[in-house]
Amino acid sequence: MADAWHQFGADLVVGATGDLAAADGPVLGQQRVLRRLLTNPGDYIWAPAYGAGLARFVGSPASAAQIRAVVRSQIFKEAAVARAPEPVIDVERDTAGTVYVHIRYADAASGATQVLSFSVGNG
């Protein structure tokens, strides 16, 4: 089933016919992973445990390894992420506290490699 096309932090997208654009396939999986990682736990009142809340690590003393562990634990909760091959998760931090995340994973439905890169913070 398709979702409304919505990149986290952006507006909804209108389709060619004037209705809301739909996301499906690998893009749907990418949007769901990104939404899960950037949503704070407790923000969805019907699913209080949903979300990794990566923004809480901006400027915090948490190590890249700790952030990587949170990302790994959350992405496997999305059906679009295959367990094998193991996803590759790179996390870097800069001196301003910005967290940079780069994830490579296999799409569970197609097996195709998906790449998701984003930053949280000032960068």
PDB file of N, CA and C in Angstrom:
ATOM      1  N   MET A   1       0.838  -1.174   0.000  1.00  0.00           N
ATOM      2  CA  MET A   1       0.000   0.000   0.000  1.00  0.00           C
ATOM      3  C   MET A   1       0.887   1.244   0.000  1.00  0.00           C
ATOM      4  N   ALA A   2       0.545   2.210  -0.779  1.00  0.00           N
ATOM      5  CA  ALA A   2       1.315   3.442  -0.888  1.00  0.00           C
ATOM      6  C   ALA A   2       0.976   4.405   0.250  1.00  0.00           C
ATOM      7  N   ASP A   3       1.928   5.262   0.575  1.00  0.00           N
ATOM      8  CA  ASP A   3       1.740   6.355   1.532  1.00  0.00           C
ATOM      9  C   ASP A   3       1.728   7.661   0.752  1.00  0.00           C
ATOM     10  N   ALA A   4       1.294   8.722   1.394  1.00  0.00           N
ATOM     11  CA  ALA A   4       1.449  10.047   0.796  1.00  0.00           C
ATOM     12  C   ALA A   4       2.943  10.340   0.696  1.00  0.00           C
ATOM     13  N   TRP A   5       3.349  10.920  -0.434  1.00  0.00           N
ATOM     14  CA  TRP A   5       4.758  11.271  -0.638  1.00  0.00           C
ATOM     15  C   TRP A   5       5.091  12.399   0.325  1.00  0.00           C
ATOM     16  N   HIS A   6       5.954  12.115   1.302  1.00  0.00           N
ATOM     17  CA  HIS A   6       6.307  13.138   2.275  1.00  0.00           C
ATOM     18  C   HIS A   6       7.716  12.912   2.767  1.00  0.00           C
ATOM     19  N   GLN A   7       8.612  13.786   2.370  1.00  0.00           N
ATOM     20  CA  GLN A   7       9.981  13.758   2.872  1.00  0.00           C
ATOM     21  C   GLN A   7       9.975  14.477   4.213  1.00  0.00           C
ATOM     22  N   PHE A   8      10.568  13.885   5.230  1.00  0.00           N
ATOM     23  CA  PHE A   8      10.555  14.446   6.578  1.00  0.00           C
ATOM     24  C   PHE A   8      11.058  15.888   6.550  1.00  0.00           C
ATOM     25  N   GLY A   9      10.302  16.788   7.151  1.00  0.00           N
ATOM     26  CA  GLY A   9      10.690  18.188   7.215  1.00  0.00           C
ATOM     27  C   GLY A   9      10.259  19.023   6.024  1.00  0.00           C
ATOM     28  N   ALA A  10       9.613  18.408   5.049  1.00  0.00           N
ATOM     29  CA  ALA A  10       9.176  19.128   3.850  1.00  0.00           C
ATOM     30  C   ALA A  10       7.651  19.096   3.760  1.00  0.00           C
ATOM     31  N   ASP A  11       7.136  19.819   2.784  1.00  0.00           N
ATOM     32  CA  ASP A  11       5.697  19.821   2.546  1.00  0.00           C
ATOM     33  C   ASP A  11       5.274  18.557   1.807  1.00  0.00           C
ATOM     34  N   LEU A  12       3.987  18.260   1.849  1.00  0.00           N
ATOM     35  CA  LEU A  12       3.440  17.181   1.030  1.00  0.00           C
ATOM     36  C   LEU A  12       3.605  17.556  -0.438  1.00  0.00           C
ATOM     37  N   VAL A  13       3.673  16.565  -1.304  1.00  0.00           N
ATOM     38  CA  VAL A  13       3.881  16.788  -2.734  1.00  0.00           C
ATOM     39  C   VAL A  13       2.568  16.549  -3.468  1.00  0.00           C
ATOM     40  N   VAL A  14       2.262  17.429  -4.410  1.00  0.00           N
ATOM     41  CA  VAL A  14       1.058  17.301  -5.225  1.00  0.00           C
ATOM     42  C   VAL A  14       1.415  16.551  -6.500  1.00  0.00           C
ATOM     43  N   GLY A  15       0.579  15.591  -6.870  1.00  0.00           N
ATOM     44  CA  GLY A  15       0.804  14.807  -8.075  1.00  0.00           C
ATOM     45  C   GLY A  15       0.397  15.557  -9.333  1.00  0.00           C
ATOM     46  N   ALA A  16       0.624  14.945 -10.481  1.00  0.00           N
ATOM     47  CA  ALA A  16       0.342  15.561 -11.780  1.00  0.00           C
ATOM     48  C   ALA A  16      -1.143  15.861 -11.975  1.00  0.00           C
ATOM     49  N   THR A  17      -2.007  15.109 -11.313  1.00  0.00           N
ATOM     50  CA  THR A  17      -3.453  15.319 -11.472  1.00  0.00           C
ATOM     51  C   THR A  17      -4.041  16.224 -10.394  1.00  0.00           C
ATOM     52  N   GLY A  18      -3.190  16.777  -9.528  1.00  0.00           N
ATOM     53  CA  GLY A  18      -3.655  17.696  -8.497  1.00  0.00           C
ATOM     54  C   GLY A  18      -3.940  17.059  -7.158  1.00  0.00           C
ATOM     55  N   ASP A  19      -3.882  15.737  -7.089  1.00  0.00           N
ATOM     56  CA  ASP A  19      -4.093  15.077  -5.803  1.00  0.00           C
ATOM     57  C   ASP A  19      -2.742  14.899  -5.111  1.00  0.00           C
ATOM     58  N   LEU A  20      -2.746  14.350  -3.916  1.00  0.00           N
ATOM     59  CA  LEU A  20      -1.488  14.108  -3.216  1.00  0.00           C
ATOM     60  C   LEU A  20      -0.696  13.029  -3.936  1.00  0.00           C
ATOM     61  N   ALA A  21       0.590  13.278  -4.114  1.00  0.00           N
ATOM     62  CA  ALA A  21       1.459  12.282  -4.735  1.00  0.00           C
ATOM     63  C   ALA A  21       1.626  11.109  -3.771  1.00  0.00           C
ATOM     64  N   ALA A  22       1.785   9.926  -4.319  1.00  0.00           N
ATOM     65  CA  ALA A  22       1.957   8.719  -3.502  1.00  0.00           C
ATOM     66  C   ALA A  22       3.377   8.196  -3.641  1.00  0.00           C
ATOM     67  N   ALA A  23       3.883   7.632  -2.565  1.00  0.00           N
ATOM     68  CA  ALA A  23       5.198   6.989  -2.575  1.00  0.00           C
ATOM     69  C   ALA A  23       4.981   5.501  -2.399  1.00  0.00           C
ATOM     70  N   ASP A  24       5.690   4.713  -3.186  1.00  0.00           N
ATOM     71  CA  ASP A  24       5.651   3.266  -3.009  1.00  0.00           C
ATOM     72  C   ASP A  24       7.007   2.700  -3.389  1.00  0.00           C
ATOM     73  N   GLY A  25       7.169   1.406  -3.223  1.00  0.00           N
ATOM     74  CA  GLY A  25       8.431   0.760  -3.554  1.00  0.00           C
ATOM     75  C   GLY A  25       9.572   1.243  -2.668  1.00  0.00           C
ATOM     76  N   PRO A  26      10.792   1.277  -3.210  1.00  0.00           N
ATOM     77  CA  PRO A  26      11.961   1.663  -2.418  1.00  0.00           C
ATOM     78  C   PRO A  26      11.873   3.066  -1.815  1.00  0.00           C
ATOM     79  N   VAL A  27      11.261   4.013  -2.524  1.00  0.00           N
ATOM     80  CA  VAL A  27      11.133   5.375  -1.991  1.00  0.00           C
ATOM     81  C   VAL A  27      10.270   5.370  -0.734  1.00  0.00           C
ATOM     82  N   LEU A  28       9.218   4.586  -0.738  1.00  0.00           N
ATOM     83  CA  LEU A  28       8.365   4.468   0.438  1.00  0.00           C
ATOM     84  C   LEU A  28       9.184   3.956   1.625  1.00  0.00           C
ATOM     85  N   GLY A  29      10.007   2.947   1.386  1.00  0.00           N
ATOM     86  CA  GLY A  29      10.861   2.415   2.451  1.00  0.00           C
ATOM     87  C   GLY A  29      11.834   3.452   2.977  1.00  0.00           C
ATOM     88  N   GLN A  30      12.459   4.215   2.077  1.00  0.00           N
ATOM     89  CA  GLN A  30      13.394   5.261   2.499  1.00  0.00           C
ATOM     90  C   GLN A  30      12.689   6.314   3.344  1.00  0.00           C
ATOM     91  N   GLN A  31      11.511   6.735   2.909  1.00  0.00           N
ATOM     92  CA  GLN A  31      10.774   7.746   3.666  1.00  0.00           C
ATOM     93  C   GLN A  31      10.372   7.224   5.042  1.00  0.00           C
ATOM     94  N   ARG A  32       9.990   5.969   5.121  1.00  0.00           N
ATOM     95  CA  ARG A  32       9.603   5.396   6.419  1.00  0.00           C
ATOM     96  C   ARG A  32      10.799   5.271   7.358  1.00  0.00           C
ATOM     97  N   VAL A  33      11.955   4.865   6.826  1.00  0.00           N
ATOM     98  CA  VAL A  33      13.162   4.768   7.655  1.00  0.00           C
ATOM     99  C   VAL A  33      13.535   6.150   8.179  1.00  0.00           C
ATOM    100  N   LEU A  34      13.575   7.138   7.292  1.00  0.00           N
ATOM    101  CA  LEU A  34      13.940   8.493   7.697  1.00  0.00           C
ATOM    102  C   LEU A  34      12.956   9.042   8.733  1.00  0.00           C
ATOM    103  N   ARG A  35      11.676   8.834   8.515  1.00  0.00           N
ATOM    104  CA  ARG A  35      10.658   9.311   9.469  1.00  0.00           C
ATOM    105  C   ARG A  35      10.865   8.659  10.838  1.00  0.00           C
ATOM    106  N   ARG A  36      11.138   7.364  10.856  1.00  0.00           N
ATOM    107  CA  ARG A  36      11.350   6.662  12.129  1.00  0.00           C
ATOM    108  C   ARG A  36      12.579   7.215  12.852  1.00  0.00           C
ATOM    109  N   LEU A  37      13.659   7.443  12.117  1.00  0.00           N
ATOM    110  CA  LEU A  37      14.895   7.894  12.752  1.00  0.00           C
ATOM    111  C   LEU A  37      14.800   9.319  13.287  1.00  0.00           C
ATOM    112  N   LEU A  38      14.022  10.168  12.633  1.00  0.00           N
ATOM    113  CA  LEU A  38      13.950  11.570  13.032  1.00  0.00           C
ATOM    114  C   LEU A  38      12.787  11.888  13.967  1.00  0.00           C
ATOM    115  N   THR A  39      11.851  10.967  14.136  1.00  0.00           N
ATOM    116  CA  THR A  39      10.720  11.194  15.042  1.00  0.00           C
ATOM    117  C   THR A  39      11.148  10.918  16.479  1.00  0.00           C
ATOM    118  N   ASN A  40      10.768  11.801  17.386  1.00  0.00           N
ATOM    119  CA  ASN A  40      11.075  11.614  18.807  1.00  0.00           C
ATOM    120  C   ASN A  40      10.139  10.583  19.417  1.00  0.00           C
ATOM    121  N   PRO A  41      10.668   9.684  20.262  1.00  0.00           N
ATOM    122  CA  PRO A  41       9.782   8.770  20.974  1.00  0.00           C
ATOM    123  C   PRO A  41       8.742   9.586  21.751  1.00  0.00           C
ATOM    124  N   GLY A  42       7.503   9.148  21.682  1.00  0.00           N
ATOM    125  CA  GLY A  42       6.422   9.840  22.369  1.00  0.00           C
ATOM    126  C   GLY A  42       5.673  10.847  21.508  1.00  0.00           C
ATOM    127  N   ASP A  43       6.208  11.178  20.326  1.00  0.00           N
ATOM    128  CA  ASP A  43       5.528  12.150  19.459  1.00  0.00           C
ATOM    129  C   ASP A  43       4.246  11.593  18.844  1.00  0.00           C
ATOM    130  N   TYR A  44       4.193  10.291  18.588  1.00  0.00           N
ATOM    131  CA  TYR A  44       2.962   9.673  18.080  1.00  0.00           C
ATOM    132  C   TYR A  44       2.193   9.131  19.280  1.00  0.00           C
ATOM    133  N   ILE A  45       1.054   9.741  19.586  1.00  0.00           N
ATOM    134  CA  ILE A  45       0.351   9.361  20.814  1.00  0.00           C
ATOM    135  C   ILE A  45      -0.159   7.928  20.791  1.00  0.00           C
ATOM    136  N   TRP A  46      -0.391   7.356  19.606  1.00  0.00           N
ATOM    137  CA  TRP A  46      -0.891   5.984  19.518  1.00  0.00           C
ATOM    138  C   TRP A  46       0.242   4.968  19.474  1.00  0.00           C
ATOM    139  N   ALA A  47       1.482   5.436  19.318  1.00  0.00           N
ATOM    140  CA  ALA A  47       2.649   4.546  19.294  1.00  0.00           C
ATOM    141  C   ALA A  47       3.797   5.248  20.012  1.00  0.00           C
ATOM    142  N   PRO A  48       3.727   5.363  21.348  1.00  0.00           N
ATOM    143  CA  PRO A  48       4.713   6.159  22.083  1.00  0.00           C
ATOM    144  C   PRO A  48       6.153   5.653  21.987  1.00  0.00           C
ATOM    145  N   ALA A  49       6.357   4.391  21.651  1.00  0.00           N
ATOM    146  CA  ALA A  49       7.721   3.866  21.533  1.00  0.00           C
ATOM    147  C   ALA A  49       8.304   4.069  20.136  1.00  0.00           C
ATOM    148  N   TYR A  50       7.496   4.589  19.196  1.00  0.00           N
ATOM    149  CA  TYR A  50       7.943   4.779  17.815  1.00  0.00           C
ATOM    150  C   TYR A  50       8.952   5.916  17.742  1.00  0.00           C
ATOM    151  N   GLY A  51      10.054   5.690  17.055  1.00  0.00           N
ATOM    152  CA  GLY A  51      11.007   6.750  16.754  1.00  0.00           C
ATOM    153  C   GLY A  51      12.320   6.628  17.493  1.00  0.00           C
ATOM    154  N   ALA A  52      13.372   7.106  16.818  1.00  0.00           N
ATOM    155  CA  ALA A  52      14.717   7.093  17.389  1.00  0.00           C
ATOM    156  C   ALA A  52      15.087   8.431  18.009  1.00  0.00           C
ATOM    157  N   GLY A  53      14.484   9.514  17.543  1.00  0.00           N
ATOM    158  CA  GLY A  53      14.783  10.831  18.098  1.00  0.00           C
ATOM    159  C   GLY A  53      16.228  11.253  17.925  1.00  0.00           C
ATOM    160  N   LEU A  54      16.775  11.089  16.725  1.00  0.00           N
ATOM    161  CA  LEU A  54      18.189  11.400  16.510  1.00  0.00           C
ATOM    162  C   LEU A  54      18.554  12.840  16.834  1.00  0.00           C
ATOM    163  N   ALA A  55      17.611  13.759  16.765  1.00  0.00           N
ATOM    164  CA  ALA A  55      17.919  15.161  17.065  1.00  0.00           C
ATOM    165  C   ALA A  55      18.404  15.344  18.503  1.00  0.00           C
ATOM    166  N   ARG A  56      18.045  14.453  19.398  1.00  0.00           N
ATOM    167  CA  ARG A  56      18.475  14.585  20.797  1.00  0.00           C
ATOM    168  C   ARG A  56      19.980  14.407  20.955  1.00  0.00           C
ATOM    169  N   PHE A  57      20.643  13.850  19.931  1.00  0.00           N
ATOM    170  CA  PHE A  57      22.083  13.637  20.005  1.00  0.00           C
ATOM    171  C   PHE A  57      22.893  14.846  19.548  1.00  0.00           C
ATOM    172  N   VAL A  58      22.232  15.851  18.982  1.00  0.00           N
ATOM    173  CA  VAL A  58      22.936  17.052  18.535  1.00  0.00           C
ATOM    174  C   VAL A  58      23.498  17.765  19.757  1.00  0.00           C
ATOM    175  N   GLY A  59      24.806  17.958  19.786  1.00  0.00           N
ATOM    176  CA  GLY A  59      25.460  18.637  20.893  1.00  0.00           C
ATOM    177  C   GLY A  59      25.587  17.811  22.157  1.00  0.00           C
ATOM    178  N   SER A  60      25.192  16.545  22.111  1.00  0.00           N
ATOM    179  CA  SER A  60      25.277  15.686  23.298  1.00  0.00           C
ATOM    180  C   SER A  60      26.632  14.978  23.323  1.00  0.00           C
ATOM    181  N   PRO A  61      27.008  14.419  24.469  1.00  0.00           N
ATOM    182  CA  PRO A  61      28.278  13.696  24.536  1.00  0.00           C
ATOM    183  C   PRO A  61      28.212  12.270  23.986  1.00  0.00           C
ATOM    184  N   ALA A  62      27.094  11.865  23.416  1.00  0.00           N
ATOM    185  CA  ALA A  62      26.967  10.497  22.888  1.00  0.00           C
ATOM    186  C   ALA A  62      27.997  10.257  21.788  1.00  0.00           C
ATOM    187  N   SER A  63      28.548   9.072  21.773  1.00  0.00           N
ATOM    188  CA  SER A  63      29.550   8.722  20.759  1.00  0.00           C
ATOM    189  C   SER A  63      28.868   8.294  19.464  1.00  0.00           C
ATOM    190  N   ALA A  64      29.660   8.281  18.393  1.00  0.00           N
ATOM    191  CA  ALA A  64      29.144   7.808  17.104  1.00  0.00           C
ATOM    192  C   ALA A  64      28.672   6.360  17.222  1.00  0.00           C
ATOM    193  N   ALA A  65      29.363   5.555  18.018  1.00  0.00           N
ATOM    194  CA  ALA A  65      28.973   4.150  18.193  1.00  0.00           C
ATOM    195  C   ALA A  65      27.606   4.039  18.879  1.00  0.00           C
ATOM    196  N   GLN A  66      27.346   4.893  19.856  1.00  0.00           N
ATOM    197  CA  GLN A  66      26.044   4.876  20.527  1.00  0.00           C
ATOM    198  C   GLN A  66      24.926   5.275  19.566  1.00  0.00           C
ATOM    199  N   ILE A  67      25.177   6.289  18.758  1.00  0.00           N
ATOM    200  CA  ILE A  67      24.176   6.737  17.787  1.00  0.00           C
ATOM    201  C   ILE A  67      23.945   5.652  16.746  1.00  0.00           C
ATOM    202  N   ARG A  68      25.025   5.029  16.283  1.00  0.00           N
ATOM    203  CA  ARG A  68      24.923   3.935  15.304  1.00  0.00           C
ATOM    204  C   ARG A  68      24.063   2.802  15.860  1.00  0.00           C
ATOM    205  N   ALA A  69      24.220   2.478  17.132  1.00  0.00           N
ATOM    206  CA  ALA A  69      23.433   1.405  17.752  1.00  0.00           C
ATOM    207  C   ALA A  69      21.943   1.758  17.779  1.00  0.00           C
ATOM    208  N   VAL A  70      21.620   3.015  18.048  1.00  0.00           N
ATOM    209  CA  VAL A  70      20.217   3.442  18.037  1.00  0.00           C
ATOM    210  C   VAL A  70      19.652   3.327  16.627  1.00  0.00           C
ATOM    211  N   VAL A  71      20.414   3.795  15.624  1.00  0.00           N
ATOM    212  CA  VAL A  71      19.965   3.710  14.232  1.00  0.00           C
ATOM    213  C   VAL A  71      19.714   2.261  13.858  1.00  0.00           C
ATOM    214  N   ARG A  72      20.657   1.388  14.176  1.00  0.00           N
ATOM    215  CA  ARG A  72      20.535  -0.031  13.818  1.00  0.00           C
ATOM    216  C   ARG A  72      19.302  -0.653  14.465  1.00  0.00           C
ATOM    217  N   SER A  73      19.079  -0.354  15.730  1.00  0.00           N
ATOM    218  CA  SER A  73      17.927  -0.948  16.426  1.00  0.00           C
ATOM    219  C   SER A  73      16.604  -0.483  15.826  1.00  0.00           C
ATOM    220  N   GLN A  74      16.567   0.728  15.308  1.00  0.00           N
ATOM    221  CA  GLN A  74      15.322   1.269  14.769  1.00  0.00           C
ATOM    222  C   GLN A  74      15.058   0.852  13.321  1.00  0.00           C
ATOM    223  N   ILE A  75      16.097   0.790  12.486  1.00  0.00           N
ATOM    224  CA  ILE A  75      15.831   0.508  11.066  1.00  0.00           C
ATOM    225  C   ILE A  75      15.287  -0.894  10.854  1.00  0.00           C
ATOM    226  N   PHE A  76      15.644  -1.821  11.722  1.00  0.00           N
ATOM    227  CA  PHE A  76      15.124  -3.181  11.572  1.00  0.00           C
ATOM    228  C   PHE A  76      13.645  -3.279  11.942  1.00  0.00           C
ATOM    229  N   LYS A  77      13.074  -2.220  12.477  1.00  0.00           N
ATOM    230  CA  LYS A  77      11.643  -2.204  12.766  1.00  0.00           C
ATOM    231  C   LYS A  77      10.828  -1.858  11.526  1.00  0.00           C
ATOM    232  N   GLU A  78      11.512  -1.482  10.448  1.00  0.00           N
ATOM    233  CA  GLU A  78      10.842  -1.189   9.176  1.00  0.00           C
ATOM    234  C   GLU A  78      10.938  -2.410   8.270  1.00  0.00           C
ATOM    235  N   ALA A  79       9.809  -2.843   7.745  1.00  0.00           N
ATOM    236  CA  ALA A  79       9.759  -4.037   6.893  1.00  0.00           C
ATOM    237  C   ALA A  79      10.558  -3.874   5.612  1.00  0.00           C
ATOM    238  N   ALA A  80      10.824  -2.654   5.187  1.00  0.00           N
ATOM    239  CA  ALA A  80      11.555  -2.410   3.939  1.00  0.00           C
ATOM    240  C   ALA A  80      13.037  -2.738   4.047  1.00  0.00           C
ATOM    241  N   VAL A  81      13.557  -2.860   5.262  1.00  0.00           N
ATOM    242  CA  VAL A  81      14.988  -3.091   5.462  1.00  0.00           C
ATOM    243  C   VAL A  81      15.250  -4.582   5.631  1.00  0.00           C
ATOM    244  N   ALA A  82      16.022  -5.148   4.691  1.00  0.00           N
ATOM    245  CA  ALA A  82      16.386  -6.565   4.773  1.00  0.00           C
ATOM    246  C   ALA A  82      17.421  -6.768   5.877  1.00  0.00           C
ATOM    247  N   ARG A  83      17.357  -7.897   6.548  1.00  0.00           N
ATOM    248  CA  ARG A  83      18.336  -8.207   7.596  1.00  0.00           C
ATOM    249  C   ARG A  83      19.659  -8.684   7.019  1.00  0.00           C
ATOM    250  N   ALA A  84      19.608  -9.221   5.808  1.00  0.00           N
ATOM    251  CA  ALA A  84      20.838  -9.666   5.145  1.00  0.00           C
ATOM    252  C   ALA A  84      20.789  -9.195   3.696  1.00  0.00           C
ATOM    253  N   PRO A  85      21.865  -8.670   3.192  1.00  0.00           N
ATOM    254  CA  PRO A  85      23.111  -8.400   3.912  1.00  0.00           C
ATOM    255  C   PRO A  85      22.917  -7.318   4.980  1.00  0.00           C
ATOM    256  N   GLU A  86      23.769  -7.384   5.966  1.00  0.00           N
ATOM    257  CA  GLU A  86      23.719  -6.451   7.089  1.00  0.00           C
ATOM    258  C   GLU A  86      23.822  -5.002   6.594  1.00  0.00           C
ATOM    259  N   PRO A  87      22.939  -4.116   7.044  1.00  0.00           N
ATOM    260  CA  PRO A  87      23.057  -2.706   6.660  1.00  0.00           C
ATOM    261  C   PRO A  87      24.393  -2.118   7.121  1.00  0.00           C
ATOM    262  N   VAL A  88      24.913  -1.187   6.342  1.00  0.00           N
ATOM    263  CA  VAL A  88      26.141  -0.471   6.699  1.00  0.00           C
ATOM    264  C   VAL A  88      25.720   0.916   7.168  1.00  0.00           C
ATOM    265  N   ILE A  89      26.085   1.248   8.398  1.00  0.00           N
ATOM    266  CA  ILE A  89      25.676   2.519   9.003  1.00  0.00           C
ATOM    267  C   ILE A  89      26.925   3.282   9.407  1.00  0.00           C
ATOM    268  N   ASP A  90      27.120   4.452   8.810  1.00  0.00           N
ATOM    269  CA  ASP A  90      28.238   5.322   9.167  1.00  0.00           C
ATOM    270  C   ASP A  90      27.680   6.553   9.862  1.00  0.00           C
ATOM    271  N   VAL A  91      28.273   6.908  10.992  1.00  0.00           N
ATOM    272  CA  VAL A  91      27.860   8.090  11.745  1.00  0.00           C
ATOM    273  C   VAL A  91      29.098   8.929  12.017  1.00  0.00           C
ATOM    274  N   GLU A  92      28.997  10.219  11.729  1.00  0.00           N
ATOM    275  CA  GLU A  92      30.078  11.157  12.027  1.00  0.00           C
ATOM    276  C   GLU A  92      29.493  12.353  12.753  1.00  0.00           C
ATOM    277  N   ARG A  93      30.335  12.993  13.545  1.00  0.00           N
ATOM    278  CA  ARG A  93      29.933  14.211  14.255  1.00  0.00           C
ATOM    279  C   ARG A  93      30.978  15.273  13.979  1.00  0.00           C
ATOM    280  N   ASP A  94      30.549  16.522  13.905  1.00  0.00           N
ATOM    281  CA  ASP A  94      31.527  17.591  13.755  1.00  0.00           C
ATOM    282  C   ASP A  94      31.621  18.374  15.059  1.00  0.00           C
ATOM    283  N   THR A  95      32.515  19.337  15.092  1.00  0.00           N
ATOM    284  CA  THR A  95      32.745  20.079  16.334  1.00  0.00           C
ATOM    285  C   THR A  95      31.553  20.947  16.739  1.00  0.00           C
ATOM    286  N   ALA A  96      30.677  21.266  15.792  1.00  0.00           N
ATOM    287  CA  ALA A  96      29.478  22.051  16.111  1.00  0.00           C
ATOM    288  C   ALA A  96      28.358  21.181  16.683  1.00  0.00           C
ATOM    289  N   GLY A  97      28.561  19.856  16.698  1.00  0.00           N
ATOM    290  CA  GLY A  97      27.562  18.946  17.248  1.00  0.00           C
ATOM    291  C   GLY A  97      26.643  18.321  16.225  1.00  0.00           C
ATOM    292  N   THR A  98      26.791  18.685  14.951  1.00  0.00           N
ATOM    293  CA  THR A  98      25.946  18.105  13.910  1.00  0.00           C
ATOM    294  C   THR A  98      26.250  16.622  13.761  1.00  0.00           C
ATOM    295  N   VAL A  99      25.206  15.834  13.576  1.00  0.00           N
ATOM    296  CA  VAL A  99      25.337  14.389  13.388  1.00  0.00           C
ATOM    297  C   VAL A  99      25.050  14.080  11.920  1.00  0.00           C
ATOM    298  N   TYR A 100      25.993  13.399  11.261  1.00  0.00           N
ATOM    299  CA  TYR A 100      25.842  12.989   9.862  1.00  0.00           C
ATOM    300  C   TYR A 100      25.651  11.479   9.829  1.00  0.00           C
ATOM    301  N   VAL A 101      24.615  11.029   9.129  1.00  0.00           N
ATOM    302  CA  VAL A 101      24.302   9.600   9.058  1.00  0.00           C
ATOM    303  C   VAL A 101      24.253   9.172   7.594  1.00  0.00           C
ATOM    304  N   HIS A 102      24.913   8.064   7.298  1.00  0.00           N
ATOM    305  CA  HIS A 102      24.907   7.477   5.950  1.00  0.00           C
ATOM    306  C   HIS A 102      24.569   5.994   6.129  1.00  0.00           C
ATOM    307  N   ILE A 103      23.489   5.551   5.502  1.00  0.00           N
ATOM    308  CA  ILE A 103      23.024   4.166   5.652  1.00  0.00           C
ATOM    309  C   ILE A 103      22.930   3.522   4.278  1.00  0.00           C
ATOM    310  N   ARG A 104      23.477   2.318   4.160  1.00  0.00           N
ATOM    311  CA  ARG A 104      23.307   1.485   2.965  1.00  0.00           C
ATOM    312  C   ARG A 104      22.642   0.202   3.412  1.00  0.00           C
ATOM    313  N   TYR A 105      21.503  -0.115   2.807  1.00  0.00           N
ATOM    314  CA  TYR A 105      20.784  -1.331   3.175  1.00  0.00           C
ATOM    315  C   TYR A 105      20.158  -1.934   1.932  1.00  0.00           C
ATOM    316  N   ALA A 106      19.781  -3.202   2.033  1.00  0.00           N
ATOM    317  CA  ALA A 106      19.091  -3.876   0.933  1.00  0.00           C
ATOM    318  C   ALA A 106      17.591  -3.741   1.145  1.00  0.00           C
ATOM    319  N   ASP A 107      16.881  -3.377   0.071  1.00  0.00           N
ATOM    320  CA  ASP A 107      15.427  -3.317   0.112  1.00  0.00           C
ATOM    321  C   ASP A 107      14.900  -4.743   0.254  1.00  0.00           C
ATOM    322  N   ALA A 108      14.052  -4.985   1.231  1.00  0.00           N
ATOM    323  CA  ALA A 108      13.570  -6.340   1.505  1.00  0.00           C
ATOM    324  C   ALA A 108      12.788  -6.930   0.340  1.00  0.00           C
ATOM    325  N   ALA A 109      12.052  -6.112  -0.392  1.00  0.00           N
ATOM    326  CA  ALA A 109      11.225  -6.625  -1.490  1.00  0.00           C
ATOM    327  C   ALA A 109      12.030  -6.926  -2.742  1.00  0.00           C
ATOM    328  N   SER A 110      12.949  -6.036  -3.098  1.00  0.00           N
ATOM    329  CA  SER A 110      13.667  -6.186  -4.371  1.00  0.00           C
ATOM    330  C   SER A 110      15.102  -6.653  -4.217  1.00  0.00           C
ATOM    331  N   GLY A 111      15.684  -6.480  -3.043  1.00  0.00           N
ATOM    332  CA  GLY A 111      17.087  -6.805  -2.834  1.00  0.00           C
ATOM    333  C   GLY A 111      18.030  -5.720  -3.315  1.00  0.00           C
ATOM    334  N   ALA A 112      17.495  -4.674  -3.926  1.00  0.00           N
ATOM    335  CA  ALA A 112      18.324  -3.584  -4.445  1.00  0.00           C
ATOM    336  C   ALA A 112      18.916  -2.770  -3.297  1.00  0.00           C
ATOM    337  N   THR A 113      20.141  -2.308  -3.498  1.00  0.00           N
ATOM    338  CA  THR A 113      20.799  -1.482  -2.495  1.00  0.00           C
ATOM    339  C   THR A 113      20.153  -0.107  -2.439  1.00  0.00           C
ATOM    340  N   GLN A 114      19.856   0.340  -1.236  1.00  0.00           N
ATOM    341  CA  GLN A 114      19.282   1.662  -1.001  1.00  0.00           C
ATOM    342  C   GLN A 114      20.283   2.478  -0.193  1.00  0.00           C
ATOM    343  N   VAL A 115      20.394   3.749  -0.500  1.00  0.00           N
ATOM    344  CA  VAL A 115      21.315   4.634   0.208  1.00  0.00           C
ATOM    345  C   VAL A 115      20.519   5.802   0.771  1.00  0.00           C
ATOM    346  N   LEU A 116      20.745   6.078   2.031  1.00  0.00           N
ATOM    347  CA  LEU A 116      20.055   7.163   2.715  1.00  0.00           C
ATOM    348  C   LEU A 116      21.103   7.963   3.482  1.00  0.00           C
ATOM    349  N   SER A 117      21.266   9.236   3.146  1.00  0.00           N
ATOM    350  CA  SER A 117      22.221  10.115   3.825  1.00  0.00           C
ATOM    351  C   SER A 117      21.503  11.370   4.289  1.00  0.00           C
ATOM    352  N   PHE A 118      21.781  11.787   5.519  1.00  0.00           N
ATOM    353  CA  PHE A 118      21.160  12.995   6.053  1.00  0.00           C
ATOM    354  C   PHE A 118      21.973  13.499   7.229  1.00  0.00           C
ATOM    355  N   SER A 119      21.717  14.724   7.612  1.00  0.00           N
ATOM    356  CA  SER A 119      22.364  15.291   8.790  1.00  0.00           C
ATOM    357  C   SER A 119      21.297  15.854   9.712  1.00  0.00           C
ATOM    358  N   VAL A 120      21.626  15.910  10.987  1.00  0.00           N
ATOM    359  CA  VAL A 120      20.736  16.470  11.989  1.00  0.00           C
ATOM    360  C   VAL A 120      21.550  17.493  12.769  1.00  0.00           C
ATOM    361  N   GLY A 121      21.077  18.704  12.818  1.00  0.00           N
ATOM    362  CA  GLY A 121      21.780  19.747  13.550  1.00  0.00           C
ATOM    363  C   GLY A 121      22.046  20.956  12.696  1.00  0.00           C
ATOM    364  N   ASN A 122      23.187  21.565  12.927  1.00  0.00           N
ATOM    365  CA  ASN A 122      23.528  22.828  12.278  1.00  0.00           C
ATOM    366  C   ASN A 122      24.024  22.681  10.851  1.00  0.00           C
ATOM    367  N   GLY A 123      24.417  21.460  10.432  1.00  0.00           N
ATOM    368  CA  GLY A 123      25.067  21.285   9.136  1.00  0.00           C
ATOM    369  C   GLY A 123      24.201  21.030   7.986  1.00  0.00           C
TER     370      GLY A 123
END
